[in-house]
PDB file of N, CA and C in Angstrom:
ATOM      1  N   MET A   1      -1.843   9.871   3.586  1.00  0.00           N
ATOM      2  CA  MET A   1      -1.744   9.065   2.386  1.00  0.00           C
ATOM      3  C   MET A   1      -2.201   9.914   1.200  1.00  0.00           C
ATOM      4  N   THR A   2      -1.488   9.815   0.118  1.00  0.00           N
ATOM      5  CA  THR A   2      -1.840  10.601  -1.065  1.00  0.00           C
ATOM      6  C   THR A   2      -3.012   9.957  -1.802  1.00  0.00           C
ATOM      7  N   LEU A   3      -3.637  10.762  -2.625  1.00  0.00           N
ATOM      8  CA  LEU A   3      -4.756  10.278  -3.421  1.00  0.00           C
ATOM      9  C   LEU A   3      -4.301   9.180  -4.389  1.00  0.00           C
ATOM     10  N   GLU A   4      -3.121   9.347  -4.957  1.00  0.00           N
ATOM     11  CA  GLU A   4      -2.593   8.350  -5.891  1.00  0.00           C
ATOM     12  C   GLU A   4      -2.413   6.993  -5.210  1.00  0.00           C
ATOM     13  N   ASN A   5      -1.856   6.994  -4.011  1.00  0.00           N
ATOM     14  CA  ASN A   5      -1.682   5.737  -3.284  1.00  0.00           C
ATOM     15  C   ASN A   5      -3.026   5.119  -2.917  1.00  0.00           C
ATOM     16  N   SER A   6      -3.983   5.942  -2.575  1.00  0.00           N
ATOM     17  CA  SER A   6      -5.318   5.450  -2.240  1.00  0.00           C
ATOM     18  C   SER A   6      -5.968   4.762  -3.431  1.00  0.00           C
ATOM     19  N   ILE A   7      -5.784   5.330  -4.611  1.00  0.00           N
ATOM     20  CA  ILE A   7      -6.353   4.724  -5.815  1.00  0.00           C
ATOM     21  C   ILE A   7      -5.670   3.397  -6.131  1.00  0.00           C
ATOM     22  N   ARG A   8      -4.374   3.346  -5.953  1.00  0.00           N
ATOM     23  CA  ARG A   8      -3.654   2.076  -6.179  1.00  0.00           C
ATOM     24  C   ARG A   8      -4.105   1.000  -5.211  1.00  0.00           C
ATOM     25  N   ILE A   9      -4.296   1.370  -3.952  1.00  0.00           N
ATOM     26  CA  ILE A   9      -4.774   0.404  -2.953  1.00  0.00           C
ATOM     27  C   ILE A   9      -6.177  -0.062  -3.310  1.00  0.00           C
ATOM     28  N   LEU A  10      -7.054   0.870  -3.665  1.00  0.00           N
ATOM     29  CA  LEU A  10      -8.423   0.516  -4.044  1.00  0.00           C
ATOM     30  C   LEU A  10      -8.433  -0.443  -5.227  1.00  0.00           C
ATOM     31  N   ALA A  11      -7.653  -0.150  -6.258  1.00  0.00           N
ATOM     32  CA  ALA A  11      -7.604  -1.019  -7.440  1.00  0.00           C
ATOM     33  C   ALA A  11      -7.079  -2.404  -7.078  1.00  0.00           C
ATOM     34  N   GLY A  12      -6.027  -2.456  -6.274  1.00  0.00           N
ATOM     35  CA  GLY A  12      -5.478  -3.746  -5.864  1.00  0.00           C
ATOM     36  C   GLY A  12      -6.451  -4.573  -5.046  1.00  0.00           C
ATOM     37  N   VAL A  13      -7.140  -3.928  -4.119  1.00  0.00           N
ATOM     38  CA  VAL A  13      -8.117  -4.636  -3.288  1.00  0.00           C
ATOM     39  C   VAL A  13      -9.271  -5.154  -4.142  1.00  0.00           C
ATOM     40  N   LEU A  14      -9.731  -4.351  -5.087  1.00  0.00           N
ATOM     41  CA  LEU A  14     -10.829  -4.798  -5.953  1.00  0.00           C
ATOM     42  C   LEU A  14     -10.418  -5.977  -6.829  1.00  0.00           C
ATOM     43  N   VAL A  15      -9.208  -5.961  -7.360  1.00  0.00           N
ATOM     44  CA  VAL A  15      -8.747  -7.076  -8.193  1.00  0.00           C
ATOM     45  C   VAL A  15      -8.593  -8.341  -7.355  1.00  0.00           C
ATOM     46  N   LEU A  16      -7.973  -8.230  -6.174  1.00  0.00           N
ATOM     47  CA  LEU A  16      -7.810  -9.412  -5.321  1.00  0.00           C
ATOM     48  C   LEU A  16      -9.156  -9.955  -4.847  1.00  0.00           C
ATOM     49  N   THR A  17     -10.088  -9.076  -4.542  1.00  0.00           N
ATOM     50  CA  THR A  17     -11.434  -9.500  -4.153  1.00  0.00           C
ATOM     51  C   THR A  17     -12.124 -10.214  -5.303  1.00  0.00           C
ATOM     52  N   SER A  18     -11.953  -9.683  -6.503  1.00  0.00           N
ATOM     53  CA  SER A  18     -12.543 -10.288  -7.686  1.00  0.00           C
ATOM     54  C   SER A  18     -12.010 -11.698  -7.918  1.00  0.00           C
ATOM     55  N   VAL A  19     -10.711 -11.867  -7.769  1.00  0.00           N
ATOM     56  CA  VAL A  19     -10.104 -13.189  -7.971  1.00  0.00           C
ATOM     57  C   VAL A  19     -10.586 -14.174  -6.902  1.00  0.00           C
ATOM     58  N   ALA A  20     -10.661 -13.730  -5.659  1.00  0.00           N
ATOM     59  CA  ALA A  20     -11.137 -14.605  -4.588  1.00  0.00           C
ATOM     60  C   ALA A  20     -12.591 -15.012  -4.811  1.00  0.00           C
ATOM     61  N   LEU A  21     -13.426 -14.045  -5.172  1.00  0.00           N
ATOM     62  CA  LEU A  21     -14.833 -14.360  -5.427  1.00  0.00           C
ATOM     63  C   LEU A  21     -14.993 -15.262  -6.643  1.00  0.00           C
ATOM     64  N   ALA A  22     -14.151 -15.080  -7.641  1.00  0.00           N
ATOM     65  CA  ALA A  22     -14.215 -15.949  -8.822  1.00  0.00           C
ATOM     66  C   ALA A  22     -13.823 -17.381  -8.458  1.00  0.00           C
ATOM     67  N   HIS A  23     -12.896 -17.512  -7.537  1.00  0.00           N
ATOM     68  CA  HIS A  23     -12.458 -18.851  -7.134  1.00  0.00           C
ATOM     69  C   HIS A  23     -13.527 -19.565  -6.311  1.00  0.00           C
ATOM     70  N   TRP A  24     -14.150 -18.851  -5.351  1.00  0.00           N
ATOM     71  CA  TRP A  24     -15.055 -19.497  -4.420  1.00  0.00           C
ATOM     72  C   TRP A  24     -16.535 -19.342  -4.748  1.00  0.00           C
ATOM     73  N   VAL A  25     -16.911 -18.361  -5.555  1.00  0.00           N
ATOM     74  CA  VAL A  25     -18.341 -18.131  -5.795  1.00  0.00           C
ATOM     75  C   VAL A  25     -18.706 -18.415  -7.245  1.00  0.00           C
ATOM     76  N   SER A  26     -18.225 -17.564  -8.146  1.00  0.00           N
ATOM     77  CA  SER A  26     -18.572 -17.712  -9.561  1.00  0.00           C
ATOM     78  C   SER A  26     -17.500 -17.040 -10.409  1.00  0.00           C
ATOM     79  N   GLU A  27     -17.195 -17.644 -11.526  1.00  0.00           N
ATOM     80  CA  GLU A  27     -16.167 -17.071 -12.403  1.00  0.00           C
ATOM     81  C   GLU A  27     -16.591 -15.728 -13.006  1.00  0.00           C
ATOM     82  N   TRP A  28     -17.856 -15.406 -12.929  1.00  0.00           N
ATOM     83  CA  TRP A  28     -18.345 -14.125 -13.439  1.00  0.00           C
ATOM     84  C   TRP A  28     -17.768 -12.947 -12.662  1.00  0.00           C
ATOM     85  N   TRP A  29     -17.267 -13.181 -11.440  1.00  0.00           N
ATOM     86  CA  TRP A  29     -16.653 -12.102 -10.663  1.00  0.00           C
ATOM     87  C   TRP A  29     -15.378 -11.589 -11.313  1.00  0.00           C
ATOM     88  N   LEU A  30     -14.822 -12.330 -12.258  1.00  0.00           N
ATOM     89  CA  LEU A  30     -13.635 -11.852 -12.971  1.00  0.00           C
ATOM     90  C   LEU A  30     -13.943 -10.610 -13.805  1.00  0.00           C
ATOM     91  N   LEU A  31     -15.212 -10.399 -14.109  1.00  0.00           N
ATOM     92  CA  LEU A  31     -15.591  -9.185 -14.832  1.00  0.00           C
ATOM     93  C   LEU A  31     -15.277  -7.927 -14.024  1.00  0.00           C
ATOM     94  N   LEU A  32     -15.289  -8.036 -12.705  1.00  0.00           N
ATOM     95  CA  LEU A  32     -14.908  -6.899 -11.868  1.00  0.00           C
ATOM     96  C   LEU A  32     -13.439  -6.554 -12.087  1.00  0.00           C
ATOM     97  N   ALA A  33     -12.575  -7.551 -12.153  1.00  0.00           N
ATOM     98  CA  ALA A  33     -11.151  -7.304 -12.418  1.00  0.00           C
ATOM     99  C   ALA A  33     -10.952  -6.707 -13.807  1.00  0.00           C
ATOM    100  N   VAL A  34     -11.735  -7.170 -14.771  1.00  0.00           N
ATOM    101  CA  VAL A  34     -11.656  -6.613 -16.126  1.00  0.00           C
ATOM    102  C   VAL A  34     -12.086  -5.149 -16.117  1.00  0.00           C
ATOM    103  N   PHE A  35     -13.142  -4.829 -15.397  1.00  0.00           N
ATOM    104  CA  PHE A  35     -13.613  -3.447 -15.298  1.00  0.00           C
ATOM    105  C   PHE A  35     -12.547  -2.553 -14.672  1.00  0.00           C
ATOM    106  N   VAL A  36     -11.931  -3.018 -13.599  1.00  0.00           N
ATOM    107  CA  VAL A  36     -10.892  -2.227 -12.930  1.00  0.00           C
ATOM    108  C   VAL A  36      -9.718  -1.997 -13.879  1.00  0.00           C
ATOM    109  N   GLY A  37      -9.283  -3.033 -14.573  1.00  0.00           N
ATOM    110  CA  GLY A  37      -8.178  -2.894 -15.511  1.00  0.00           C
ATOM    111  C   GLY A  37      -8.489  -1.939 -16.646  1.00  0.00           C
ATOM    112  N   CYS A  38      -9.671  -2.051 -17.213  1.00  0.00           N
ATOM    113  CA  CYS A  38     -10.068  -1.138 -18.293  1.00  0.00           C
ATOM    114  C   CYS A  38     -10.148   0.298 -17.805  1.00  0.00           C
ATOM    115  N   ASN A  39     -10.619   0.480 -16.594  1.00  0.00           N
ATOM    116  CA  ASN A  39     -10.713   1.820 -16.027  1.00  0.00           C
ATOM    117  C   ASN A  39      -9.328   2.420 -15.823  1.00  0.00           C
ATOM    118  N   LEU A  40      -8.378   1.625 -15.374  1.00  0.00           N
ATOM    119  CA  LEU A  40      -7.012   2.116 -15.202  1.00  0.00           C
ATOM    120  C   LEU A  40      -6.396   2.528 -16.538  1.00  0.00           C
ATOM    121  N   VAL A  41      -6.631   1.739 -17.566  1.00  0.00           N
ATOM    122  CA  VAL A  41      -6.082   2.055 -18.886  1.00  0.00           C
ATOM    123  C   VAL A  41      -6.721   3.325 -19.449  1.00  0.00           C
ATOM    124  N   GLN A  42      -8.051   3.430 -19.378  1.00  0.00           N
ATOM    125  CA  GLN A  42      -8.705   4.612 -19.940  1.00  0.00           C
ATOM    126  C   GLN A  42      -8.322   5.867 -19.181  1.00  0.00           C
ATOM    127  N   SER A  43      -8.108   5.770 -17.871  1.00  0.00           N
ATOM    128  CA  SER A  43      -7.726   6.968 -17.117  1.00  0.00           C
ATOM    129  C   SER A  43      -6.327   7.441 -17.484  1.00  0.00           C
ATOM    130  N   ALA A  44      -5.474   6.516 -17.893  1.00  0.00           N
ATOM    131  CA  ALA A  44      -4.131   6.903 -18.331  1.00  0.00           C
ATOM    132  C   ALA A  44      -4.187   7.713 -19.631  1.00  0.00           C
ATOM    133  N   PHE A  45      -5.153   7.398 -20.496  1.00  0.00           N
ATOM    134  CA  PHE A  45      -5.260   8.096 -21.772  1.00  0.00           C
ATOM    135  C   PHE A  45      -6.115   9.358 -21.702  1.00  0.00           C
ATOM    136  N   THR A  46      -7.199   9.309 -20.922  1.00  0.00           N
ATOM    137  CA  THR A  46      -8.141  10.425 -20.929  1.00  0.00           C
ATOM    138  C   THR A  46      -7.956  11.403 -19.780  1.00  0.00           C
ATOM    139  N   GLY A  47      -7.352  10.946 -18.682  1.00  0.00           N
ATOM    140  CA  GLY A  47      -7.211  11.798 -17.506  1.00  0.00           C
ATOM    141  C   GLY A  47      -8.442  11.798 -16.629  1.00  0.00           C
ATOM    142  N   PHE A  48      -9.495  11.091 -17.023  1.00  0.00           N
ATOM    143  CA  PHE A  48     -10.719  10.999 -16.223  1.00  0.00           C
ATOM    144  C   PHE A  48     -10.649   9.758 -15.346  1.00  0.00           C
ATOM    145  N   CYS A  49     -10.765   9.950 -14.046  1.00  0.00           N
ATOM    146  CA  CYS A  49     -10.645   8.845 -13.099  1.00  0.00           C
ATOM    147  C   CYS A  49     -11.821   8.892 -12.121  1.00  0.00           C
ATOM    148  N   PRO A  50     -12.825   8.042 -12.294  1.00  0.00           N
ATOM    149  CA  PRO A  50     -13.974   8.049 -11.391  1.00  0.00           C
ATOM    150  C   PRO A  50     -13.586   7.778  -9.941  1.00  0.00           C
ATOM    151  N   ALA A  51     -12.628   6.898  -9.728  1.00  0.00           N
ATOM    152  CA  ALA A  51     -12.199   6.593  -8.360  1.00  0.00           C
ATOM    153  C   ALA A  51     -11.613   7.829  -7.688  1.00  0.00           C
ATOM    154  N   GLU A  52     -10.905   8.633  -8.456  1.00  0.00           N
ATOM    155  CA  GLU A  52     -10.335   9.869  -7.908  1.00  0.00           C
ATOM    156  C   GLU A  52     -11.451  10.800  -7.434  1.00  0.00           C
ATOM    157  N   ASN A  53     -12.473  10.949  -8.239  1.00  0.00           N
ATOM    158  CA  ASN A  53     -13.596  11.814  -7.873  1.00  0.00           C
ATOM    159  C   ASN A  53     -14.301  11.317  -6.612  1.00  0.00           C
ATOM    160  N   ILE A  54     -14.523  10.017  -6.532  1.00  0.00           N
ATOM    161  CA  ILE A  54     -15.211   9.446  -5.379  1.00  0.00           C
ATOM    162  C   ILE A  54     -14.370   9.595  -4.119  1.00  0.00           C
ATOM    163  N   LEU A  55     -13.082   9.249  -4.204  1.00  0.00           N
ATOM    164  CA  LEU A  55     -12.220   9.348  -3.025  1.00  0.00           C
ATOM    165  C   LEU A  55     -12.037  10.794  -2.579  1.00  0.00           C
ATOM    166  N   ARG A  56     -11.959  11.705  -3.524  1.00  0.00           N
ATOM    167  CA  ARG A  56     -11.824  13.117  -3.163  1.00  0.00           C
ATOM    168  C   ARG A  56     -13.074  13.604  -2.422  1.00  0.00           C
ATOM    169  N   LYS A  57     -14.263  13.168  -2.862  1.00  0.00           N
ATOM    170  CA  LYS A  57     -15.498  13.541  -2.170  1.00  0.00           C
ATOM    171  C   LYS A  57     -15.554  12.944  -0.762  1.00  0.00           C
ATOM    172  N   LEU A  58     -14.905  11.799  -0.574  1.00  0.00           N
ATOM    173  CA  LEU A  58     -14.856  11.175   0.741  1.00  0.00           C
ATOM    174  C   LEU A  58     -13.776  11.785   1.633  1.00  0.00           C
ATOM    175  N   GLY A  59     -12.985  12.701   1.060  1.00  0.00           N
ATOM    176  CA  GLY A  59     -11.965  13.372   1.840  1.00  0.00           C
ATOM    177  C   GLY A  59     -10.649  12.641   1.947  1.00  0.00           C
ATOM    178  N   VAL A  60     -10.408  11.704   1.041  1.00  0.00           N
ATOM    179  CA  VAL A  60      -9.161  10.931   1.071  1.00  0.00           C
ATOM    180  C   VAL A  60      -8.083  11.649   0.291  1.00  0.00           C
ATOM    181  N   GLY A  61      -6.875  11.638   0.807  1.00  0.00           N
ATOM    182  CA  GLY A  61      -5.734  12.194   0.097  1.00  0.00           C
ATOM    183  C   GLY A  61      -5.660  13.703   0.162  1.00  0.00           C
ATOM    184  N   ASN A  62      -4.673  14.212  -0.526  1.00  0.00           N
ATOM    185  CA  ASN A  62      -4.463  15.656  -0.510  1.00  0.00           C
ATOM    186  C   ASN A  62      -5.351  16.337  -1.551  1.00  0.00           C
ATOM    187  N   LYS A  63      -5.560  17.598  -1.376  1.00  0.00           N
ATOM    188  CA  LYS A  63      -6.405  18.354  -2.295  1.00  0.00           C
ATOM    189  C   LYS A  63      -5.619  18.889  -3.477  1.00  0.00           C
ATOM    190  N   GLY A  64      -4.302  18.737  -3.437  1.00  0.00           N
ATOM    191  CA  GLY A  64      -3.442  19.342  -4.454  1.00  0.00           C
ATOM    192  C   GLY A  64      -3.499  18.683  -5.808  1.00  0.00           C
ATOM    193  N   GLY A  65      -2.587  17.777  -6.052  1.00  0.00           N
ATOM    194  CA  GLY A  65      -2.418  17.206  -7.382  1.00  0.00           C
ATOM    195  C   GLY A  65      -3.370  16.073  -7.673  1.00  0.00           C
ATOM    196  N   SER A  66      -3.397  15.721  -8.924  1.00  0.00           N
ATOM    197  CA  SER A  66      -4.213  14.626  -9.377  1.00  0.00           C
ATOM    198  C   SER A  66      -3.289  13.517  -9.867  1.00  0.00           C
ATOM    199  N   CYS A  67      -3.653  12.298  -9.572  1.00  0.00           N
ATOM    200  CA  CYS A  67      -2.816  11.192 -10.010  1.00  0.00           C
ATOM    201  C   CYS A  67      -3.119  10.802 -11.444  1.00  0.00           C
ATOM    202  N   CYS A  68      -4.269  11.174 -11.947  1.00  0.00           N
ATOM    203  CA  CYS A  68      -4.677  10.735 -13.264  1.00  0.00           C
ATOM    204  C   CYS A  68      -4.402  11.770 -14.344  1.00  0.00           C
ATOM    205  N   ARG A  69      -4.083  12.960 -13.959  1.00  0.00           N
ATOM    206  CA  ARG A  69      -3.758  14.019 -14.935  1.00  0.00           C
ATOM    207  C   ARG A  69      -2.377  14.541 -14.667  1.00  0.00           C
ATOM    208  N   SER A  70      -1.684  14.918 -15.724  1.00  0.00           N
ATOM    209  CA  SER A  70      -0.338  15.458 -15.531  1.00  0.00           C
ATOM    210  C   SER A  70      -0.322  16.955 -15.687  1.00  0.00           C
TER     211      SER A  70
END
């Protein structure tokens, strides 16, 4: 699995988890979805992706290209 796909899966899981927790626990969990969305937008503009750094340190994906930088 590529690093880019791993980041997309991570973002999707975090958003779905946030929505589920907001429904059953507290609406404040929606802030997690807001954080994920803001992080995706800023990484598109700046090229800095914290999730990429974390997943790369965990050994996920290929060592070649970066999904957040062109």
